[in-house]
Every structure is written in structure tokens, then in C-alpha cells.
C-alpha atoms as a PDB file:
ATOM      1  CA  MET A   1       0.000   0.000   0.000  1.00  0.00           C
ATOM      2  CA  GLU A   2       1.350   3.390  -0.917  1.00  0.00           C
ATOM      3  CA  PRO A   3       2.132   5.892   1.881  1.00  0.00           C
ATOM      4  CA  GLY A   4      -0.729   8.300   1.058  1.00  0.00           C
ATOM      5  CA  ALA A   5      -3.359   5.585   1.460  1.00  0.00           C
ATOM      6  CA  ARG A   6      -1.695   4.319   4.637  1.00  0.00           C
ATOM      7  CA  SER A   7      -1.757   7.850   6.048  1.00  0.00           C
ATOM      8  CA  VAL A   8      -5.481   8.232   5.314  1.00  0.00           C
ATOM      9  CA  LEU A   9      -6.210   4.964   7.119  1.00  0.00           C
ATOM     10  CA  LEU A  10      -4.237   6.062  10.175  1.00  0.00           C
ATOM     11  CA  LYS A  11      -5.814   9.508  10.327  1.00  0.00           C
ATOM     12  CA  SER A  12      -9.295   8.031   9.851  1.00  0.00           C
ATOM     13  CA  ARG A  13      -8.917   5.151  12.301  1.00  0.00           C
ATOM     14  CA  ILE A  14     -11.389   6.428  14.922  1.00  0.00           C
ATOM     15  CA  PHE A  15     -13.922   7.262  12.210  1.00  0.00           C
ATOM     16  CA  LEU A  16     -13.488   3.778  10.727  1.00  0.00           C
ATOM     17  CA  LEU A  17     -13.863   2.077  14.106  1.00  0.00           C
ATOM     18  CA  ASP A  18     -17.066   4.005  14.729  1.00  0.00           C
ATOM     19  CA  ASN A  19     -18.565   3.553  11.249  1.00  0.00           C
ATOM     20  CA  ILE A  20     -17.688   0.069  10.009  1.00  0.00           C
ATOM     21  CA  HIS A  21     -20.360  -2.185  11.426  1.00  0.00           C
ATOM     22  CA  ASP A  22     -19.693  -5.456   9.627  1.00  0.00           C
ATOM     23  CA  VAL A  23     -16.398  -6.660   8.181  1.00  0.00           C
ATOM     24  CA  HIS A  24     -17.858  -9.837   6.681  1.00  0.00           C
ATOM     25  CA  ASP A  25     -18.682  -8.396   3.238  1.00  0.00           C
ATOM     26  CA  ILE A  26     -15.457  -6.383   3.180  1.00  0.00           C
ATOM     27  CA  LEU A  27     -13.395  -9.507   3.823  1.00  0.00           C
ATOM     28  CA  ASN A  28     -15.291 -11.387   1.121  1.00  0.00           C
ATOM     29  CA  HIS A  29     -14.184  -8.758  -1.424  1.00  0.00           C
ATOM     30  CA  PHE A  30     -10.568  -9.316  -0.444  1.00  0.00           C
ATOM     31  CA  LEU A  31     -11.007 -13.084  -0.528  1.00  0.00           C
ATOM     32  CA  ALA A  32     -12.631 -12.946  -3.979  1.00  0.00           C
ATOM     33  CA  GLY A  33      -9.730 -10.846  -5.262  1.00  0.00           C
ATOM     34  CA  SER A  34      -7.154 -13.260  -3.815  1.00  0.00           C
ATOM     35  CA  ASN A  35      -5.792 -10.490  -1.585  1.00  0.00           C
ATOM     36  CA  ILE A  36      -6.222 -12.669   1.516  1.00  0.00           C
ATOM     37  CA  THR A  37      -6.564 -16.332   2.362  1.00  0.00           C
ATOM     38  CA  MET A  38      -9.543 -18.046   3.926  1.00  0.00           C
ATOM     39  CA  ARG A  39      -7.440 -18.442   7.085  1.00  0.00           C
ATOM     40  CA  THR A  40      -6.881 -14.663   7.319  1.00  0.00           C
ATOM     41  CA  ARG A  41     -10.613 -14.074   6.876  1.00  0.00           C
ATOM     42  CA  GLU A  42     -11.421 -16.603   9.588  1.00  0.00           C
ATOM     43  CA  ASP A  43      -8.812 -15.140  11.952  1.00  0.00           C
ATOM     44  CA  ILE A  44     -10.390 -11.695  11.674  1.00  0.00           C
ATOM     45  CA  LEU A  45     -13.945 -12.984  11.991  1.00  0.00           C
ATOM     46  CA  ASP A  46     -12.917 -14.961  15.096  1.00  0.00           C
ATOM     47  CA  CYS A  47     -12.140 -11.759  16.996  1.00  0.00           C
ATOM     48  CA  PRO A  48     -14.551 -11.511  19.939  1.00  0.00           C
ATOM     49  CA  THR A  49     -16.132  -8.105  19.244  1.00  0.00           C
ATOM     50  CA  ARG A  50     -17.014  -5.918  16.287  1.00  0.00           C
ATOM     51  CA  THR A  51     -14.424  -3.340  17.364  1.00  0.00           C
ATOM     52  CA  HIS A  52     -11.706  -5.988  17.571  1.00  0.00           C
ATOM     53  CA  ARG A  53     -12.629  -7.293  14.107  1.00  0.00           C
ATOM     54  CA  VAL A  54     -12.418  -3.810  12.607  1.00  0.00           C
ATOM     55  CA  GLU A  55      -9.109  -3.134  14.391  1.00  0.00           C
ATOM     56  CA  GLU A  56      -7.660  -6.398  13.087  1.00  0.00           C
ATOM     57  CA  LEU A  57      -8.819  -5.580   9.560  1.00  0.00           C
ATOM     58  CA  LEU A  58      -7.254  -2.104   9.741  1.00  0.00           C
ATOM     59  CA  ASP A  59      -4.009  -3.480  11.192  1.00  0.00           C
ATOM     60  CA  ARG A  60      -3.633  -6.067   8.440  1.00  0.00           C
ATOM     61  CA  LEU A  61      -4.982  -4.066   5.503  1.00  0.00           C
ATOM     62  CA  PRO A  62      -1.706  -2.239   4.614  1.00  0.00           C
ATOM     63  CA  THR A  63       0.046  -5.600   4.125  1.00  0.00           C
ATOM     64  CA  TRP A  64      -2.434  -6.854   1.506  1.00  0.00           C
ATOM     65  CA  GLY A  65      -0.660  -5.429  -1.499  1.00  0.00           C
ATOM     66  CA  PRO A  66      -0.556  -2.247  -3.566  1.00  0.00           C
ATOM     67  CA  THR A  67      -4.242  -2.433  -4.544  1.00  0.00           C
ATOM     68  CA  ALA A  68      -5.534  -3.013  -1.006  1.00  0.00           C
ATOM     69  CA  PHE A  69      -6.748   0.558  -0.502  1.00  0.00           C
ATOM     70  CA  GLN A  70      -8.719   0.582  -3.760  1.00  0.00           C
ATOM     71  CA  VAL A  71     -10.204  -2.853  -3.008  1.00  0.00           C
ATOM     72  CA  PHE A  72     -11.128  -1.571   0.455  1.00  0.00           C
ATOM     73  CA  LEU A  73     -12.875   1.481  -1.028  1.00  0.00           C
ATOM     74  CA  LYS A  74     -14.784  -0.712  -3.474  1.00  0.00           C
ATOM     75  CA  ALA A  75     -15.773  -3.159  -0.741  1.00  0.00           C
ATOM     76  CA  LEU A  76     -17.009  -0.301   1.437  1.00  0.00           C
ATOM     77  CA  ALA A  77     -18.955   1.258  -1.432  1.00  0.00           C
ATOM     78  CA  GLU A  78     -20.638  -2.029  -2.308  1.00  0.00           C
ATOM     79  CA  SER A  79     -21.563  -2.859   1.263  1.00  0.00           C
ATOM     80  CA  GLU A  80     -23.509  -0.805   3.772  1.00  0.00           C
ATOM     81  CA  HIS A  81     -20.570   1.569   4.159  1.00  0.00           C
ATOM     82  CA  SER A  82     -20.744   3.822   1.102  1.00  0.00           C
ATOM     83  CA  HIS A  83     -20.476   6.957   3.282  1.00  0.00           C
ATOM     84  CA  VAL A  84     -17.209   5.586   4.688  1.00  0.00           C
ATOM     85  CA  ALA A  85     -15.848   4.970   1.194  1.00  0.00           C
ATOM     86  CA  GLU A  86     -16.788   8.507   0.142  1.00  0.00           C
ATOM     87  CA  LYS A  87     -15.008  10.052   3.130  1.00  0.00           C
ATOM     88  CA  LEU A  88     -11.847   7.992   2.634  1.00  0.00           C
ATOM     89  CA  GLN A  89     -11.788   8.776  -1.097  1.00  0.00           C
ATOM     90  CA  SER A  90     -12.191  12.484  -0.360  1.00  0.00           C
ATOM     91  CA  ASP A  91      -9.449  12.419   2.282  1.00  0.00           C
ATOM     92  CA  TYR A  92      -7.145  10.521  -0.070  1.00  0.00           C
ATOM     93  CA  GLN A  93      -7.715  13.005  -2.903  1.00  0.00           C
ATOM     94  CA  HIS A  94      -7.129  15.915  -0.534  1.00  0.00           C
ATOM     95  CA  ASN A  95      -3.853  14.364   0.669  1.00  0.00           C
ATOM     96  CA  THR A  96      -2.757  13.829  -2.932  1.00  0.00           C
ATOM     97  CA  VAL A  97      -3.399  17.479  -3.808  1.00  0.00           C
ATOM     98  CA  VAL A  98      -1.613  18.684  -0.665  1.00  0.00           C
ATOM     99  CA  LYS A  99       1.396  16.512  -1.576  1.00  0.00           C
ATOM    100  CA  GLN A 100       1.409  17.930  -5.118  1.00  0.00           C
ATOM    101  CA  VAL A 101       1.368  21.456  -3.697  1.00  0.00           C
ATOM    102  CA  ASP A 102       4.138  20.607  -1.240  1.00  0.00           C
ATOM    103  CA  ASP A 103       6.216  19.054  -4.027  1.00  0.00           C
ATOM    104  CA  ALA A 104       5.742  22.185  -6.134  1.00  0.00           C
ATOM    105  CA  SER A 105       6.416  24.599  -3.265  1.00  0.00           C
ATOM    106  CA  PRO A 106       8.977  27.354  -3.975  1.00  0.00           C
ATOM    107  CA  ALA A 107      10.632  26.537  -0.649  1.00  0.00           C
ATOM    108  CA  ARG A 108      11.883  23.230  -2.083  1.00  0.00           C
ATOM    109  CA  GLY A 109      14.466  24.949  -4.327  1.00  0.00           C
ATOM    110  CA  ASN A 110      15.154  24.182  -8.000  1.00  0.00           C
ATOM    111  CA  PHE A 111      11.925  25.966  -8.739  1.00  0.00           C
ATOM    112  CA  GLU A 112      11.184  26.962 -12.322  1.00  0.00           C
ATOM    113  CA  MET A 113       8.508  29.249 -13.786  1.00  0.00           C
ATOM    114  CA  GLN A 114       6.366  26.288 -14.949  1.00  0.00           C
ATOM    115  CA  ASP A 115       6.444  24.949 -11.391  1.00  0.00           C
ATOM    116  CA  LEU A 116       5.239  28.320 -10.101  1.00  0.00           C
ATOM    117  CA  CYS A 117       2.305  28.237 -12.519  1.00  0.00           C
ATOM    118  CA  MET A 118       1.378  24.708 -11.423  1.00  0.00           C
ATOM    119  CA  TYR A 119       1.709  25.709  -7.761  1.00  0.00           C
ATOM    120  CA  LYS A 120      -0.644  28.667  -8.232  1.00  0.00           C
ATOM    121  CA  GLN A 121      -3.122  26.555 -10.186  1.00  0.00           C
ATOM    122  CA  LEU A 122      -3.202  23.868  -7.485  1.00  0.00           C
ATOM    123  CA  ILE A 123      -3.777  26.473  -4.820  1.00  0.00           C
ATOM    124  CA  ASN A 124      -6.542  28.193  -6.786  1.00  0.00           C
ATOM    125  CA  THR A 125      -8.430  25.061  -7.878  1.00  0.00           C
ATOM    126  CA  ASN A 126      -8.269  23.298  -4.524  1.00  0.00           C
ATOM    127  CA  HIS A 127      -8.556  26.291  -2.198  1.00  0.00           C
ATOM    128  CA  ILE A 128      -5.347  25.408  -0.389  1.00  0.00           C
ATOM    129  CA  THR A 129      -3.664  28.087   1.661  1.00  0.00           C
END
């Protein structure tokens, strides 16, 4: 999993713990996509409480390959958690834009005129200050 997606999961952990009510369908998406084994699914479902199951899912999710975040978003959207998927997608897009602005920042040196134009455009179109 790429660092931006991992960061979104960490920053959203409390929200995810409060808003994911059933991991069963989510795990089935990962199982169907061969991202996890049946044993991994069973291990998570064997956790004693809903909160523990969600925590275990979130702890293991970053190790399930480079597409894990996108599979997670799809699983959320196709289950009873579409509002969770929308929030994570929005947070991820925001983090991506912020990183682009940071990468184009004049303070980073080696800054050319085309970079300045891109920096201004990113700020204007995404209302970043």
C-alpha cells in the first residue's frame, strides 16, 4: 500500500472504528480478489467483538498489497458503508493534492517558472492556503 493511502487509514482510524459495522462483506471482497486467504478471513472474523474485528482488519490491511486501498474502497462502497468509502476517497484526494502542492512549493528549491504556474493553479483550484 502506498504511503498516502496508509496515512489516510491512520488519520481516519477512529472514524473507521465508529462507522464500520460489519467486516464480513469487506473480507469477502478481499477473498474474492485473492488479496487474503480463507485463514486470514477466519482469523479476523474470530475476533470476539465488532471493534476488535475492525481493528484487526485495519491493522492487516496495509500488508495486503498495492491495490488493497482501492479494493477496500470498493468493498465499502458495495456494502452498507458507502459513506465511509466517500469520506476515505475524499481524504485521499485531498492528501494527494496537498502533496502535489508541497512538491511544487517554492521553498523546495530548483523551482522553475512552470512549477510556479502549477503551484498557483493547485492552490486556486483546490482552495489550499
